[in-house]
Amino acid sequence: MMQWEQLLSLQKQGDKKKRIRVEEDQTRSGFEVDYDRIIFSAAFRSLQDKTQVIPLSQTSFVHTRLTHSLEVSVVGRSLGRQVGSAIINKHPYLAKVHGFEVNDFGAIVAAASLAHDIGNPPFGHSGEKAIGSYFKDGKGKRFRELLSEKEYQDLIDFEGNANGFKILTESKNGVRGGLRLTYATLGAFTKYPKESLPKKPTSHIADKKFGFFQSERSFFEEVAETLGLLKRGTGQDLSYCRHPLAYLVEAADDICYTIIDFEDGINLGWIAEETALEFLINLVKDRINTENYTALTQTKDRLAYLRSLAIGTLISEAVEVFIANEEAILKGDFSEALLDHSRYKAQIDDIISESIQKIYRSHEVVEKEIAGYNILTTLLDAFTTACENHFNGRATHFDTLILRGLDTPLPEEATTYEYLMFCCSYIAMLTDGNALQLFRKIKGDL
C-alpha cells in the first residue's frame, strides 16, 4: 500500500538532501512555489492562445486552454483541501509527526491541475492526432527503422500529457530540471504513469494513455520510486499505480470541461438556452434553492447560478467517492475515474453527449481542426526534414533558414529520436497563432 508521507514528497530534481515539511517556510511551502513557477512559465502563458474547444476563435467569451487551466486549478484546490481535511483527520500523524497541513493537499492538486494541459499542441486534440498521423501514415514513416519500438510509439501516439511532463522536467538552455517542481506535484500531474507501450494493456483508467516519453523514462522512474508508487509493469515495461491525488486532478478537469464547455456552447448559440437549463436542472435539482432561482429573471443569470451549483455538486461527489475508496486507491485497486462512480453519472453523460453533438462535431470546429491538421503537418515536414539533413550533413539553404528561424537552439549532437522529439516538442509549444504564422512563412504567404 502507498503511504501518504511518501506521496507528499517535497523532493525536487537535483536535491542532495531530503526536504522535510516542518522545515519549510510557513508563509510559502514548496507546493505553493510549484504553483507560482508554473503560472510564471512561458509554457503556461502560451496557453492563452491555444484551443480549448474552438480553434482560432475570435469570440472573446470562449475558453482558451489558459482560462480552462485556471478554472481547473481552482476546482482542484477545493477538491484537494476537502480531501486533505478528511485524510488528516483520519491519519493525524501526518500533521503531528510530519507537519503536513490541509492546505498542502489543495496546493499540490491546484499546481498539478494548473499544469495539466501545458504540453498540449496547438489546435486541441486534433494537434496531437496530426503529429501522430505524420509519423504513422505520412512522410514521417521514413524514420520507423531508425527508432526502437517504444520510441516510434511515442511519436505515432504523440501525447500531450507526456509532453507536459517533458516541459515541466526537461533540462535545457542551462536550466537544470525544468521548473524543478516537487515530486508530489509531478506525481499528481501524471494521470497515466506508464510508457507508450504496451498500449492499453488493461481497462484500468491509468492505462488509457501514457504519461512520459522514452526521453524522460529514467527520471520518471526516480520520481515514482521516491513517492513509493506501486509498480504495475512487468519485465522491461515501466508502469506504476497512480498517485492518489492524480484522481483529483482528473476530476477537476472532468468537472470543468463537462460544465464549462457546455456553457461555451450556450454562449455561442449552439445549444439552446432552454435545453441547457433543463440539462443543468436535472443535475442539481436536489440542491436548488427555488426562491433564489425564481428571483433570477435573466436566463444568463439562471445559467450562472446552475453552473455554480453544478460545479459544487460534482466537487462534493468526487470528494465523497475518493474518501470512501481511499484504501483501494492507496493499494492501486481503484480502476475508474472518480466521477464514474457518481450518483449523477447519467446526468453528466447526458451533458457530455449534448456537447459532443452540438459543439465538438459542429461544422466550425471540424473545419478549423482540418485547417490545424494541415498547418501542423506542413510544419512537421519542414522541421524534421531540416533536422534530418542537418545531422546527416546534407542541409540545403532552405533547411538552414528553417533552423535559423527557431527561437530554441538545436542540440549540437542528437540521435534520430532526440531530434524528432525536439521538432515535436517545439511545434507543441507553439500557440495557434504562432503555428499559423509559421505555416504562412513556409508557404511564402507574407
Protein backbone atom coordinates (compact mmCIF):
# COMPACT_ATOMS: atom_id res chain seq x y z
CA MET A 1 0.00 0.00 0.00
CA MET A 2 1.22 3.52 -0.80
CA GLN A 3 1.99 5.81 2.17
CA TRP A 4 0.83 9.42 2.39
CA GLU A 5 4.07 10.67 3.99
CA GLN A 6 5.96 9.44 0.90
CA LEU A 7 3.30 10.58 -1.57
CA LEU A 8 3.57 14.15 -0.22
CA SER A 9 7.30 14.32 -1.00
CA LEU A 10 8.84 17.79 -1.25
CA GLN A 11 11.87 16.36 -3.08
CA LYS A 12 12.95 18.21 -6.23
CA GLN A 13 15.19 17.20 -9.10
CA GLY A 14 18.86 17.51 -8.12
CA ASP A 15 18.27 17.73 -4.36
CA LYS A 16 21.18 16.36 -2.32
CA LYS A 17 19.24 16.00 0.94
CA LYS A 18 15.68 15.19 1.88
CA ARG A 19 13.23 18.09 2.26
CA ILE A 20 11.19 17.98 5.48
CA ARG A 21 7.74 19.62 5.72
CA VAL A 22 8.31 21.04 9.22
CA GLU A 23 11.42 22.83 7.92
CA GLU A 24 9.52 24.58 5.10
CA ASP A 25 8.84 28.32 5.01
CA GLN A 26 5.45 28.57 6.73
CA THR A 27 4.41 31.51 4.58
CA ARG A 28 5.11 29.74 1.27
CA SER A 29 5.55 25.98 1.13
CA GLY A 30 7.33 24.12 -1.66
CA PHE A 31 3.94 23.07 -3.04
CA GLU A 32 2.89 26.73 -3.32
CA VAL A 33 6.22 27.51 -5.01
CA ASP A 34 5.26 24.88 -7.62
CA TYR A 35 2.09 26.81 -8.46
CA ASP A 36 3.99 30.09 -8.79
CA ARG A 37 6.67 28.58 -11.04
CA ILE A 38 4.06 27.12 -13.37
CA ILE A 39 2.00 30.29 -13.65
CA PHE A 40 5.04 32.44 -14.46
CA SER A 41 6.44 29.98 -17.03
CA ALA A 42 6.47 30.75 -20.76
CA ALA A 43 4.82 27.40 -21.46
CA PHE A 44 1.86 28.30 -19.28
CA ARG A 45 1.50 31.80 -20.76
CA SER A 46 1.33 30.30 -24.25
CA LEU A 47 -1.95 28.63 -23.28
CA GLN A 48 -3.70 31.99 -23.71
CA ASP A 49 -3.63 31.39 -27.48
CA LYS A 50 -4.31 27.67 -27.56
CA THR A 51 -7.58 25.99 -28.36
CA GLN A 52 -9.80 24.59 -25.64
CA VAL A 53 -12.77 23.78 -27.88
CA ILE A 54 -12.97 26.34 -30.68
CA PRO A 55 -9.73 26.63 -32.73
CA LEU A 56 -8.71 30.16 -33.81
CA SER A 57 -11.88 31.56 -32.27
CA GLN A 58 -12.42 35.30 -32.49
CA THR A 59 -15.07 35.15 -29.78
CA SER A 60 -13.82 36.62 -26.50
CA PHE A 61 -16.11 34.66 -24.19
CA VAL A 62 -14.98 31.24 -25.44
CA HIS A 63 -12.46 29.50 -23.19
CA THR A 64 -8.83 29.07 -24.15
CA ARG A 65 -6.50 26.50 -22.60
CA LEU A 66 -5.37 29.27 -20.22
CA THR A 67 -8.78 30.15 -18.79
CA HIS A 68 -9.70 26.46 -18.68
CA SER A 69 -6.49 25.63 -16.77
CA LEU A 70 -7.06 28.42 -14.25
CA GLU A 71 -10.59 27.19 -13.61
CA VAL A 72 -9.43 23.59 -13.26
CA SER A 73 -6.81 24.70 -10.71
CA VAL A 74 -9.49 26.47 -8.62
CA VAL A 75 -11.69 23.36 -8.64
CA GLY A 76 -8.62 21.21 -7.94
CA ARG A 77 -7.69 23.32 -4.93
CA SER A 78 -11.17 22.84 -3.45
CA LEU A 79 -11.04 19.09 -4.08
CA GLY A 80 -7.57 18.85 -2.53
CA ARG A 81 -8.45 20.81 0.59
CA GLN A 82 -11.62 18.85 1.26
CA VAL A 83 -9.87 15.53 0.78
CA GLY A 84 -6.87 16.78 2.79
CA SER A 85 -9.11 17.65 5.72
CA ALA A 86 -10.56 14.14 5.76
CA ILE A 87 -7.16 12.46 5.31
CA ILE A 88 -5.50 14.39 8.15
CA ASN A 89 -8.47 13.69 10.44
CA LYS A 90 -8.12 10.00 9.61
CA HIS A 91 -4.30 9.96 9.80
CA PRO A 92 -3.39 12.62 12.40
CA TYR A 93 0.28 11.55 12.42
CA LEU A 94 0.66 13.33 9.06
CA ALA A 95 0.21 16.65 10.87
CA LYS A 96 1.60 15.80 14.31
CA VAL A 97 4.74 13.94 13.17
CA HIS A 98 5.42 15.24 9.66
CA GLY A 99 3.89 18.72 9.78
CA PHE A 100 1.60 18.38 6.77
CA GLU A 101 -1.45 20.66 6.60
CA VAL A 102 -4.85 20.50 4.93
CA ASN A 103 -3.82 23.23 2.51
CA ASP A 104 -0.84 21.16 1.31
CA PHE A 105 -3.24 18.78 -0.42
CA GLY A 106 -5.02 21.74 -2.02
CA ALA A 107 -1.73 23.31 -3.14
CA ILE A 108 -0.48 20.09 -4.76
CA VAL A 109 -3.72 19.43 -6.65
CA ALA A 110 -4.02 23.10 -7.67
CA ALA A 111 -0.47 23.15 -9.08
CA ALA A 112 -0.86 19.86 -10.94
CA SER A 113 -4.27 20.99 -12.26
CA LEU A 114 -2.82 24.31 -13.39
CA ALA A 115 -0.24 22.43 -15.48
CA HIS A 116 -2.48 19.63 -16.72
CA ASP A 117 -2.71 20.97 -20.32
CA ILE A 118 0.75 22.58 -20.50
CA GLY A 119 2.03 20.02 -23.01
CA ASN A 120 -0.90 20.12 -25.43
CA PRO A 121 -0.08 21.13 -29.03
CA PRO A 122 -1.94 23.90 -30.89
CA PHE A 123 -5.47 23.22 -32.18
CA GLY A 124 -6.66 20.98 -29.37
CA HIS A 125 -6.65 17.20 -29.55
CA SER A 126 -6.52 17.36 -33.35
CA GLY A 127 -2.99 18.72 -32.87
CA GLU A 128 -1.95 15.50 -31.11
CA LYS A 129 -3.60 13.46 -33.86
CA ALA A 130 -1.83 15.48 -36.58
CA ILE A 131 1.61 14.82 -35.07
CA GLY A 132 0.88 11.12 -34.58
CA SER A 133 -0.54 10.70 -38.07
CA TYR A 134 2.52 12.33 -39.68
CA PHE A 135 4.75 9.58 -38.29
CA LYS A 136 2.27 6.72 -38.65
CA ASP A 137 0.71 7.41 -42.06
CA GLY A 138 2.57 10.39 -43.52
CA LYS A 139 6.12 11.19 -44.57
CA GLY A 140 7.38 10.55 -41.05
CA LYS A 141 7.11 6.80 -41.69
CA ARG A 142 10.62 7.06 -43.15
CA PHE A 143 12.03 7.17 -39.60
CA ARG A 144 10.46 3.88 -38.47
CA GLU A 145 13.55 1.70 -38.95
CA LEU A 146 15.79 4.22 -37.17
CA LEU A 147 13.87 4.05 -33.89
CA SER A 148 13.16 1.50 -31.19
CA GLU A 149 9.60 0.21 -30.93
CA LYS A 150 8.83 2.40 -27.90
CA GLU A 151 10.49 5.49 -29.41
CA TYR A 152 8.37 5.12 -32.53
CA GLN A 153 5.24 4.63 -30.41
CA ASP A 154 6.00 7.92 -28.60
CA LEU A 155 5.73 9.64 -31.97
CA ILE A 156 2.78 7.88 -33.59
CA ASP A 157 0.73 8.32 -30.40
CA PHE A 158 2.13 11.74 -29.51
CA GLU A 159 0.63 12.53 -26.12
CA GLY A 160 0.11 15.97 -24.57
CA ASN A 161 0.32 14.51 -21.06
CA ALA A 162 3.78 13.04 -21.72
CA ASN A 163 4.88 16.27 -23.40
CA GLY A 164 3.70 18.15 -20.32
CA PHE A 165 5.93 16.01 -18.10
CA LYS A 166 8.80 16.74 -20.50
CA ILE A 167 8.22 20.50 -20.36
CA LEU A 168 8.00 20.52 -16.56
CA THR A 169 11.17 18.46 -16.02
CA GLU A 170 13.49 18.80 -19.05
CA SER A 171 16.93 20.35 -18.58
CA LYS A 172 17.79 22.70 -21.45
CA ASN A 173 19.45 26.02 -22.21
CA GLY A 174 21.47 25.75 -18.99
CA VAL A 175 18.33 25.35 -16.85
CA ARG A 176 18.54 22.05 -14.97
CA GLY A 177 15.41 20.13 -14.07
CA GLY A 178 12.93 22.31 -15.92
CA LEU A 179 10.71 24.08 -13.40
CA ARG A 180 12.08 21.91 -10.54
CA LEU A 181 8.70 21.06 -9.10
CA THR A 182 8.18 18.84 -6.07
CA TYR A 183 7.84 15.14 -6.79
CA ALA A 184 4.39 15.23 -5.13
CA THR A 185 3.15 17.70 -7.74
CA LEU A 186 4.79 15.75 -10.60
CA GLY A 187 3.13 12.57 -9.33
CA ALA A 188 -0.29 14.21 -9.08
CA PHE A 189 0.22 15.68 -12.57
CA THR A 190 0.83 12.24 -14.14
CA LYS A 191 -2.60 10.73 -14.77
CA TYR A 192 -1.12 7.89 -16.84
CA PRO A 193 2.08 6.71 -15.09
CA LYS A 194 3.27 4.40 -17.85
CA GLU A 195 5.31 4.46 -21.06
CA SER A 196 3.77 4.30 -24.53
CA LEU A 197 3.98 0.50 -24.83
CA PRO A 198 2.23 -1.77 -24.17
CA LYS A 199 -0.74 0.23 -25.38
CA LYS A 200 -3.85 -0.03 -23.16
CA PRO A 201 -2.77 -3.36 -21.59
CA THR A 202 -5.81 -3.29 -19.26
CA SER A 203 -9.06 -1.38 -18.84
CA HIS A 204 -7.64 0.43 -15.77
CA ILE A 205 -8.02 4.22 -16.08
CA ALA A 206 -4.24 4.63 -15.60
CA ASP A 207 -3.64 2.61 -18.80
CA LYS A 208 -5.89 4.77 -21.02
CA LYS A 209 -2.92 6.80 -22.35
CA PHE A 210 0.73 7.26 -21.36
CA GLY A 211 2.46 9.84 -19.21
CA PHE A 212 6.11 10.11 -20.23
CA PHE A 213 8.28 9.69 -23.31
CA GLN A 214 11.34 7.44 -23.51
CA SER A 215 13.46 10.58 -23.10
CA GLU A 216 12.06 11.08 -19.57
CA ARG A 217 11.74 7.40 -18.64
CA SER A 218 14.61 7.22 -16.15
CA PHE A 219 13.63 10.44 -14.37
CA PHE A 220 10.01 9.37 -14.05
CA GLU A 221 11.24 6.12 -12.52
CA GLU A 222 13.15 8.18 -9.93
CA VAL A 223 10.03 10.25 -9.14
CA ALA A 224 7.84 7.14 -8.84
CA GLU A 225 10.30 5.31 -6.57
CA THR A 226 10.70 8.35 -4.31
CA LEU A 227 6.91 8.70 -3.99
CA GLY A 228 6.50 4.98 -3.33
CA LEU A 229 4.14 4.44 -6.28
CA LEU A 230 3.36 0.75 -6.67
CA LYS A 231 4.78 -0.97 -9.75
CA ARG A 232 2.36 -2.44 -12.27
CA GLY A 233 4.58 -3.15 -15.27
CA THR A 234 6.43 -6.41 -15.85
CA GLY A 235 9.87 -7.05 -17.32
CA GLN A 236 11.16 -4.03 -19.21
CA ASP A 237 7.73 -2.35 -19.38
CA LEU A 238 7.58 0.57 -16.94
CA SER A 239 4.19 1.22 -15.38
CA TYR A 240 3.02 2.34 -11.94
CA CYS A 241 -0.17 2.84 -9.98
CA ARG A 242 -1.44 6.41 -9.98
CA HIS A 243 -0.52 8.91 -7.32
CA PRO A 244 -3.82 9.17 -5.40
CA LEU A 245 -4.06 12.93 -5.93
CA ALA A 246 -3.98 12.37 -9.71
CA TYR A 247 -7.58 11.19 -9.36
CA LEU A 248 -8.48 14.64 -8.02
CA VAL A 249 -6.65 16.41 -10.87
CA GLU A 250 -8.61 14.26 -13.32
CA ALA A 251 -11.87 15.02 -11.52
CA ALA A 252 -11.18 18.78 -11.60
CA ASP A 253 -10.63 18.59 -15.36
CA ASP A 254 -13.70 16.39 -15.87
CA ILE A 255 -15.90 18.78 -13.87
CA CYS A 256 -14.72 21.84 -15.78
CA TYR A 257 -14.91 20.51 -19.29
CA THR A 258 -18.30 18.92 -18.60
CA ILE A 259 -19.85 22.15 -17.33
CA ILE A 260 -17.72 24.92 -18.89
CA ASP A 261 -17.53 23.55 -22.45
CA PHE A 262 -21.32 23.17 -22.23
CA GLU A 263 -21.55 26.83 -21.18
CA ASP A 264 -19.38 27.86 -24.15
CA GLY A 265 -21.82 26.08 -26.45
CA ILE A 266 -24.66 28.06 -24.90
CA ASN A 267 -22.80 31.38 -25.28
CA LEU A 268 -22.09 30.59 -28.93
CA GLY A 269 -25.77 29.88 -29.53
CA TRP A 270 -25.07 26.26 -30.49
CA ILE A 271 -27.06 24.89 -27.55
CA ALA A 272 -30.50 26.36 -26.87
CA GLU A 273 -30.75 28.10 -23.51
CA GLU A 274 -33.96 26.23 -22.65
CA THR A 275 -32.22 22.91 -23.35
CA ALA A 276 -29.25 23.95 -21.24
CA LEU A 277 -31.42 24.92 -18.30
CA GLU A 278 -33.17 21.56 -18.47
CA PHE A 279 -29.90 19.58 -18.51
CA LEU A 280 -28.37 21.54 -15.62
CA ILE A 281 -31.55 21.41 -13.53
CA ASN A 282 -31.53 17.60 -13.87
CA LEU A 283 -28.03 17.59 -12.40
CA VAL A 284 -28.65 19.91 -9.44
CA LYS A 285 -32.40 19.60 -8.77
CA ASP A 286 -31.76 18.28 -5.24
CA ARG A 287 -29.78 21.40 -4.32
CA ILE A 288 -31.67 24.25 -5.98
CA ASN A 289 -32.97 26.99 -3.72
CA THR A 290 -36.27 27.58 -5.53
CA GLU A 291 -36.77 31.04 -4.06
CA ASN A 292 -33.31 32.22 -5.18
CA TYR A 293 -33.67 30.62 -8.60
CA THR A 294 -37.10 32.07 -9.44
CA ALA A 295 -35.89 35.53 -8.37
CA LEU A 296 -33.43 35.49 -11.29
CA THR A 297 -35.19 36.98 -14.31
CA GLN A 298 -32.34 36.81 -16.86
CA THR A 299 -31.51 33.46 -18.50
CA LYS A 300 -27.76 34.15 -18.27
CA ASP A 301 -28.08 34.69 -14.51
CA ARG A 302 -30.01 31.45 -14.14
CA LEU A 303 -27.31 29.64 -16.12
CA ALA A 304 -24.58 31.12 -13.93
CA TYR A 305 -26.44 30.05 -10.80
CA LEU A 306 -26.93 26.50 -12.09
CA ARG A 307 -23.32 26.29 -13.31
CA SER A 308 -22.02 27.26 -9.87
CA LEU A 309 -24.34 24.77 -8.21
CA ALA A 310 -23.33 22.02 -10.66
CA ILE A 311 -19.61 22.52 -10.02
CA GLY A 312 -20.19 22.49 -6.25
CA THR A 313 -22.31 19.34 -6.52
CA LEU A 314 -19.67 17.47 -8.53
CA ILE A 315 -16.85 18.59 -6.20
CA SER A 316 -18.78 17.12 -3.25
CA GLU A 317 -19.41 13.93 -5.23
CA ALA A 318 -15.74 13.47 -6.18
CA VAL A 319 -14.58 14.05 -2.58
CA GLU A 320 -17.15 11.58 -1.24
CA VAL A 321 -16.08 8.87 -3.72
CA PHE A 322 -12.37 9.46 -3.00
CA ILE A 323 -12.77 9.20 0.79
CA ALA A 324 -14.97 6.11 0.51
CA ASN A 325 -12.33 4.42 -1.67
CA GLU A 326 -9.12 5.74 -0.09
CA GLU A 327 -7.81 2.30 0.82
CA ALA A 328 -8.43 0.88 -2.66
CA ILE A 329 -6.75 3.95 -4.19
CA LEU A 330 -3.68 3.53 -1.96
CA LYS A 331 -3.49 -0.14 -2.94
CA GLY A 332 -3.75 0.74 -6.64
CA ASP A 333 -7.02 -1.19 -6.96
CA PHE A 334 -9.31 1.72 -7.89
CA SER A 335 -9.58 1.41 -11.67
CA GLU A 336 -12.00 4.14 -12.80
CA ALA A 337 -12.32 7.92 -12.70
CA LEU A 338 -13.96 9.27 -9.54
CA LEU A 339 -16.97 10.70 -11.39
CA ASP A 340 -17.63 7.30 -12.98
CA HIS A 341 -18.89 6.37 -9.51
CA SER A 342 -21.04 9.48 -9.11
CA ARG A 343 -24.75 9.14 -8.47
CA TYR A 344 -25.10 11.84 -11.15
CA LYS A 345 -23.23 9.88 -13.85
CA ALA A 346 -26.32 9.63 -16.06
CA GLN A 347 -26.83 13.42 -15.95
CA ILE A 348 -23.12 14.03 -16.63
CA ASP A 349 -23.23 11.66 -19.61
CA ASP A 350 -26.28 13.48 -20.99
CA ILE A 351 -24.47 16.85 -20.84
CA ILE A 352 -21.33 15.42 -22.48
CA SER A 353 -23.40 13.74 -25.20
CA GLU A 354 -25.12 17.06 -25.99
CA SER A 355 -21.72 18.82 -26.09
CA ILE A 356 -20.33 16.19 -28.48
CA GLN A 357 -23.22 16.61 -30.89
CA LYS A 358 -23.62 20.39 -30.73
CA ILE A 359 -20.03 21.59 -30.05
CA TYR A 360 -17.23 19.11 -30.74
CA ARG A 361 -18.79 17.92 -34.02
CA SER A 362 -20.04 21.31 -35.15
CA HIS A 363 -19.06 22.47 -38.65
CA GLU A 364 -17.00 25.36 -37.28
CA VAL A 365 -14.93 23.13 -35.00
CA VAL A 366 -14.42 20.41 -37.64
CA GLU A 367 -13.42 22.89 -40.36
CA LYS A 368 -10.85 24.60 -38.13
CA GLU A 369 -9.48 21.28 -36.92
CA ILE A 370 -8.90 20.33 -40.56
CA ALA A 371 -7.01 23.58 -41.08
CA GLY A 372 -4.96 22.94 -37.91
CA TYR A 373 -4.16 19.43 -39.12
CA ASN A 374 -2.78 20.80 -42.39
CA ILE A 375 -0.78 23.52 -40.63
CA LEU A 376 0.97 21.12 -38.21
CA THR A 377 1.69 18.54 -40.91
CA THR A 378 3.40 21.22 -43.01
CA LEU A 379 5.47 22.44 -40.05
CA LEU A 380 6.49 18.91 -39.07
CA ASP A 381 7.62 18.11 -42.59
CA ALA A 382 9.72 21.28 -42.81
CA PHE A 383 11.33 20.89 -39.38
CA THR A 384 12.01 17.13 -39.47
CA THR A 385 13.49 17.39 -42.98
CA ALA A 386 15.71 20.31 -41.95
CA CYS A 387 16.94 18.45 -38.84
CA GLU A 388 17.42 15.19 -40.74
CA ASN A 389 19.52 16.89 -43.40
CA HIS A 390 21.44 18.96 -40.84
CA PHE A 391 22.53 15.95 -38.76
CA ASN A 392 23.33 13.93 -41.90
CA GLY A 393 25.46 16.74 -43.36
CA ARG A 394 23.10 17.39 -46.29
CA ALA A 395 21.38 20.61 -45.23
CA THR A 396 20.13 22.78 -48.07
CA HIS A 397 20.00 26.56 -47.84
CA PHE A 398 16.26 26.30 -47.14
CA ASP A 399 16.91 23.80 -44.31
CA THR A 400 19.44 26.20 -42.79
CA LEU A 401 16.97 29.07 -42.97
CA ILE A 402 14.30 26.94 -41.28
CA LEU A 403 16.63 26.09 -38.39
CA ARG A 404 17.87 29.66 -38.02
CA GLY A 405 14.29 30.78 -37.58
CA LEU A 406 13.85 28.64 -34.45
CA ASP A 407 13.94 30.56 -31.18
CA THR A 408 15.16 27.42 -29.38
CA PRO A 409 18.70 26.35 -30.33
CA LEU A 410 19.13 22.96 -31.98
CA PRO A 411 21.23 20.48 -29.94
CA GLU A 412 24.81 20.18 -31.19
CA GLU A 413 24.51 16.40 -31.30
CA ALA A 414 21.33 14.32 -31.35
CA THR A 415 20.11 10.85 -32.19
CA THR A 416 17.24 10.48 -34.65
CA TYR A 417 14.80 10.08 -31.76
CA GLU A 418 16.20 13.13 -29.97
CA TYR A 419 15.93 15.48 -32.93
CA LEU A 420 12.45 14.20 -33.82
CA MET A 421 11.31 14.80 -30.23
CA PHE A 422 12.92 18.24 -30.43
CA CYS A 423 10.79 19.02 -33.51
CA CYS A 424 7.58 17.67 -31.96
CA SER A 425 8.10 19.47 -28.65
CA TYR A 426 8.96 22.72 -30.43
CA ILE A 427 5.78 22.55 -32.52
CA ALA A 428 3.69 21.53 -29.50
CA MET A 429 4.91 24.65 -27.65
CA LEU A 430 3.60 26.95 -30.40
CA THR A 431 0.35 28.80 -29.92
CA ASP A 432 -2.41 28.53 -32.53
CA GLY A 433 -1.44 31.96 -33.84
CA ASN A 434 2.32 31.23 -33.91
CA ALA A 435 1.71 27.99 -35.80
CA LEU A 436 -0.47 29.76 -38.38
CA GLN A 437 2.15 32.50 -38.82
CA LEU A 438 4.99 29.97 -39.33
CA PHE A 439 2.86 28.00 -41.78
CA ARG A 440 2.29 31.13 -43.87
CA LYS A 441 6.01 31.94 -43.89
CA ILE A 442 6.94 28.44 -45.04
CA LYS A 443 4.28 28.63 -47.75
CA GLY A 444 5.63 32.02 -48.85
CA ASP A 445 2.44 33.84 -47.85
CA LEU A 446 3.98 37.05 -46.49
